Amino acid sequence: LVKQAPPEGQADLRISLLEQHGLVSRSMGDMRQAVDDFMSWAECAHASGNLTEEVDALFHLASARSWFDREQCLATVEQGIALSAQLRDEALRIDMGGRAAYWRLLWDKWRDEDALACAQAVASARRSGVRSHLGFHVRRLTYFQALQARYGEACRAAEEGMQIALEEGDASEYLTGLFFWAWTLLHHGQWGELRRLLGEGLRLAERNGHRQWATLFRLE
């Protein structure tokens, strides 16, 4: 398919195909394949001089690596942050900063500046109107807010983020929002709604063949 495209469009087409294949692999829980796809995406973007795509690919790569390699996830995040400093678009720099903030929280420790970076990324995405960016950050905002015992705000953020994931047809991100919503309800003592969400998450994870998410919903 790529070879049939005009030479000047082959790199962009290959980047798009690698991104989509990686997203499908991630949604199905095949993280090793997703890593291969996202690495190839980053390499292709680098070879074609497309900095924006390279940075985006690196943060997707971090998301796949987070399932089985903490150190490589964090190293990839730092690589992405270093590259994102070269981006001319301030909104994209804020977006990448918010992504890095989440991974640092998940795999390192709480930092007030990371909570601020996540909130700033949500606000920036609302201003720019980029729904995919808003969805990503508002789902992670749930986790930051729950850790601050801001349970009502966290639940509303999770619900908004899951709705955007539905619009995009992204099962993996929908499950992320659902998990953080359930985690919030657990600590808020809302057992009835918690059981309902865990049941929904487990059914969806099993239907998609996503063993990792199914295990997490059973444990929660």
Protein backbone atom coordinates (compact mmCIF):
# COMPACT_ATOMS: atom_id res chain seq x y z
CA LEU A 1 0.00 0.00 0.00
CA VAL A 2 2.79 2.43 0.93
CA LYS A 3 4.75 1.64 -2.25
CA GLN A 4 1.69 2.39 -4.37
CA ALA A 5 1.44 5.92 -2.96
CA PRO A 6 3.23 8.88 -4.60
CA PRO A 7 6.83 9.10 -3.31
CA GLU A 8 6.21 12.42 -1.60
CA GLY A 9 3.35 10.92 0.44
CA GLN A 10 4.86 7.58 1.39
CA ALA A 11 6.37 8.66 4.71
CA ASP A 12 3.12 10.25 5.93
CA LEU A 13 1.13 7.18 4.91
CA ARG A 14 3.55 4.82 6.63
CA ILE A 15 3.40 6.95 9.79
CA SER A 16 -0.40 6.86 9.75
CA LEU A 17 -0.54 3.09 9.22
CA LEU A 18 1.96 2.39 11.99
CA GLU A 19 0.05 4.62 14.40
CA GLN A 20 -3.28 2.94 13.65
CA HIS A 21 -1.85 -0.58 13.85
CA GLY A 22 -0.21 0.27 17.16
CA LEU A 23 -3.45 1.66 18.56
CA VAL A 24 -5.33 -1.50 17.58
CA SER A 25 -2.62 -3.67 19.14
CA ARG A 26 -2.74 -1.64 22.34
CA SER A 27 -6.55 -1.83 22.52
CA MET A 28 -6.34 -5.62 22.22
CA GLY A 29 -3.68 -5.86 24.93
CA ASP A 30 -0.85 -6.89 22.60
CA MET A 31 1.66 -4.48 24.12
CA ARG A 32 4.74 -6.09 22.58
CA GLN A 33 3.33 -5.54 19.10
CA ALA A 34 2.25 -2.03 20.05
CA VAL A 35 5.82 -1.28 21.16
CA ASP A 36 7.16 -2.48 17.79
CA ASP A 37 4.61 -0.37 15.91
CA PHE A 38 5.20 2.78 17.95
CA MET A 39 8.99 2.38 17.71
CA SER A 40 8.72 2.08 13.93
CA TRP A 41 6.43 5.12 13.89
CA ALA A 42 9.01 7.16 15.83
CA GLU A 43 11.85 5.98 13.59
CA CYS A 44 9.91 6.79 10.43
CA ALA A 45 8.99 10.23 11.74
CA HIS A 46 12.61 10.90 12.69
CA ALA A 47 13.86 9.82 9.28
CA SER A 48 11.40 12.15 7.56
CA GLY A 49 12.21 15.07 9.86
CA ASN A 50 8.69 15.20 11.34
CA LEU A 51 9.37 16.28 14.92
CA THR A 52 5.72 16.51 15.97
CA GLU A 53 5.01 12.94 14.89
CA GLU A 54 8.23 11.68 16.50
CA VAL A 55 7.32 13.18 19.87
CA ASP A 56 3.76 11.85 19.62
CA ALA A 57 5.09 8.39 18.78
CA LEU A 58 7.43 8.42 21.78
CA PHE A 59 4.59 9.13 24.20
CA HIS A 60 2.52 6.36 22.65
CA LEU A 61 5.56 4.11 23.00
CA ALA A 62 5.76 5.02 26.69
CA SER A 63 2.10 4.06 27.12
CA ALA A 64 2.74 0.56 25.75
CA ARG A 65 5.99 0.08 27.67
CA SER A 66 4.28 1.10 30.90
CA TRP A 67 2.58 -2.30 31.02
CA PHE A 68 5.77 -4.30 31.37
CA ASP A 69 8.87 -2.09 31.63
CA ARG A 70 8.80 0.78 34.16
CA GLU A 71 12.37 1.93 33.49
CA GLN A 72 11.97 2.00 29.71
CA CYS A 73 8.64 3.80 30.07
CA LEU A 74 10.22 6.59 32.11
CA ALA A 75 13.27 6.77 29.84
CA THR A 76 11.00 7.13 26.81
CA VAL A 77 9.04 9.87 28.57
CA GLU A 78 12.21 11.84 29.26
CA GLN A 79 13.32 11.39 25.65
CA GLY A 80 9.95 12.71 24.49
CA ILE A 81 10.09 15.71 26.84
CA ALA A 82 13.58 16.63 25.65
CA LEU A 83 12.42 16.57 22.02
CA SER A 84 9.17 18.40 22.74
CA ALA A 85 11.14 21.43 23.94
CA GLN A 86 11.97 21.99 20.26
CA LEU A 87 8.32 22.20 19.23
CA ARG A 88 7.19 25.65 18.14
CA ASP A 89 3.55 25.04 19.06
CA GLU A 90 3.08 25.98 22.72
CA ALA A 91 -0.14 23.95 22.99
CA LEU A 92 1.73 20.82 21.90
CA ARG A 93 4.48 21.46 24.44
CA ILE A 94 1.86 21.78 27.18
CA ASP A 95 0.18 18.60 25.92
CA MET A 96 3.41 16.63 26.11
CA GLY A 97 4.19 18.08 29.53
CA GLY A 98 0.85 16.81 30.80
CA ARG A 99 1.55 13.35 29.42
CA ALA A 100 4.94 13.23 31.11
CA ALA A 101 3.35 14.35 34.38
CA TYR A 102 1.05 11.33 34.40
CA TRP A 103 3.81 8.80 33.80
CA ARG A 104 5.95 10.35 36.53
CA LEU A 105 3.04 10.11 38.94
CA LEU A 106 2.35 6.52 37.96
CA TRP A 107 5.91 5.23 38.13
CA ASP A 108 7.83 7.65 40.32
CA LYS A 109 6.11 9.82 42.91
CA TRP A 110 3.68 12.68 43.52
CA ARG A 111 4.92 16.13 42.55
CA ASP A 112 2.82 19.27 42.87
CA GLU A 113 4.26 20.51 39.58
CA ASP A 114 3.01 17.38 37.80
CA ALA A 115 -0.52 17.91 39.12
CA LEU A 116 -0.30 21.47 37.83
CA ALA A 117 1.03 20.30 34.44
CA CYS A 118 -1.91 17.90 34.06
CA ALA A 119 -4.43 20.63 34.91
CA GLN A 120 -2.73 23.01 32.49
CA ALA A 121 -2.86 20.39 29.74
CA VAL A 122 -6.62 19.98 30.29
CA ALA A 123 -7.15 23.75 30.13
CA SER A 124 -4.98 24.06 27.01
CA ALA A 125 -6.85 21.25 25.26
CA ARG A 126 -10.19 22.91 26.04
CA ARG A 127 -8.94 26.15 24.50
CA SER A 128 -7.58 24.46 21.38
CA GLY A 129 -10.62 22.22 20.95
CA VAL A 130 -8.51 19.10 20.29
CA ARG A 131 -10.81 16.43 21.68
CA SER A 132 -8.24 13.63 21.62
CA HIS A 133 -5.86 15.67 23.77
CA LEU A 134 -8.65 16.73 26.13
CA GLY A 135 -9.79 13.14 26.57
CA PHE A 136 -6.30 11.87 27.35
CA HIS A 137 -5.62 14.51 29.99
CA VAL A 138 -9.03 14.65 31.64
CA ARG A 139 -8.89 10.87 32.20
CA ARG A 140 -5.51 11.26 33.95
CA LEU A 141 -6.80 14.28 35.84
CA THR A 142 -9.18 11.83 37.52
CA TYR A 143 -6.23 10.10 39.15
CA PHE A 144 -4.58 13.33 40.28
CA GLN A 145 -7.84 14.60 41.78
CA ALA A 146 -8.66 11.30 43.49
CA LEU A 147 -5.26 11.33 45.20
CA GLN A 148 -6.17 14.78 46.53
CA ALA A 149 -9.50 13.40 47.85
CA ARG A 150 -11.38 15.59 45.34
CA TYR A 151 -13.71 12.70 44.63
CA GLY A 152 -16.64 14.54 43.09
CA GLU A 153 -14.40 16.38 40.61
CA ALA A 154 -12.54 13.15 39.85
CA CYS A 155 -15.76 11.29 39.02
CA ARG A 156 -16.91 14.06 36.70
CA ALA A 157 -13.53 14.11 34.97
CA ALA A 158 -13.64 10.33 34.48
CA GLU A 159 -17.13 10.45 33.01
CA GLU A 160 -16.14 13.20 30.58
CA GLY A 161 -12.98 11.37 29.56
CA MET A 162 -14.82 8.10 28.97
CA GLN A 163 -17.37 9.87 26.76
CA ILE A 164 -14.56 11.23 24.59
CA ALA A 165 -12.99 7.77 24.39
CA LEU A 166 -16.35 6.43 23.19
CA GLU A 167 -16.49 9.12 20.51
CA GLU A 168 -13.02 8.10 19.35
CA GLY A 169 -13.69 4.36 19.54
CA ASP A 170 -10.63 3.85 21.75
CA ALA A 171 -11.34 0.86 24.01
CA SER A 172 -8.01 1.04 25.83
CA GLU A 173 -8.51 4.69 26.81
CA TYR A 174 -12.15 4.02 27.76
CA LEU A 175 -10.92 1.32 30.14
CA THR A 176 -8.34 3.72 31.55
CA GLY A 177 -11.05 6.22 32.44
CA LEU A 178 -13.29 3.49 33.83
CA PHE A 179 -10.48 2.12 36.00
CA PHE A 180 -9.65 5.52 37.51
CA TRP A 181 -13.34 6.19 38.11
CA ALA A 182 -13.67 2.85 39.90
CA TRP A 183 -10.50 3.59 41.88
CA THR A 184 -12.01 6.92 42.95
CA LEU A 185 -15.26 5.27 44.04
CA LEU A 186 -13.33 2.66 46.02
CA HIS A 187 -11.62 5.34 48.11
CA HIS A 188 -14.83 7.38 48.34
CA GLY A 189 -16.74 4.36 49.71
CA GLN A 190 -19.29 4.20 46.87
CA TRP A 191 -19.50 0.40 46.76
CA GLY A 192 -22.65 -0.05 44.68
CA GLU A 193 -21.52 2.07 41.74
CA LEU A 194 -18.03 0.61 42.12
CA ARG A 195 -19.32 -2.94 41.59
CA ARG A 196 -21.24 -1.85 38.50
CA LEU A 197 -18.18 -0.20 36.95
CA LEU A 198 -15.91 -3.15 37.72
CA GLY A 199 -18.38 -5.50 36.07
CA GLU A 200 -18.56 -3.29 32.97
CA GLY A 201 -14.79 -2.98 32.80
CA LEU A 202 -14.21 -6.70 33.15
CA ARG A 203 -16.76 -7.55 30.45
CA LEU A 204 -15.27 -5.05 28.01
CA ALA A 205 -11.69 -6.13 28.71
CA GLU A 206 -12.55 -9.78 28.18
CA ARG A 207 -14.49 -9.01 24.99
CA ASN A 208 -11.44 -7.20 23.58
CA GLY A 209 -9.06 -9.93 24.69
CA HIS A 210 -7.22 -7.45 26.91
CA ARG A 211 -5.88 -9.78 29.64
CA GLN A 212 -3.99 -7.05 31.49
CA TRP A 213 -7.05 -4.86 31.97
CA ALA A 214 -9.18 -7.89 32.90
CA THR A 215 -6.68 -8.76 35.63
CA LEU A 216 -6.67 -5.21 36.98
CA PHE A 217 -10.46 -5.08 37.20
CA ARG A 218 -10.51 -8.40 39.05
CA LEU A 219 -7.90 -7.15 41.52
CA GLU A 220 -9.59 -3.79 42.11
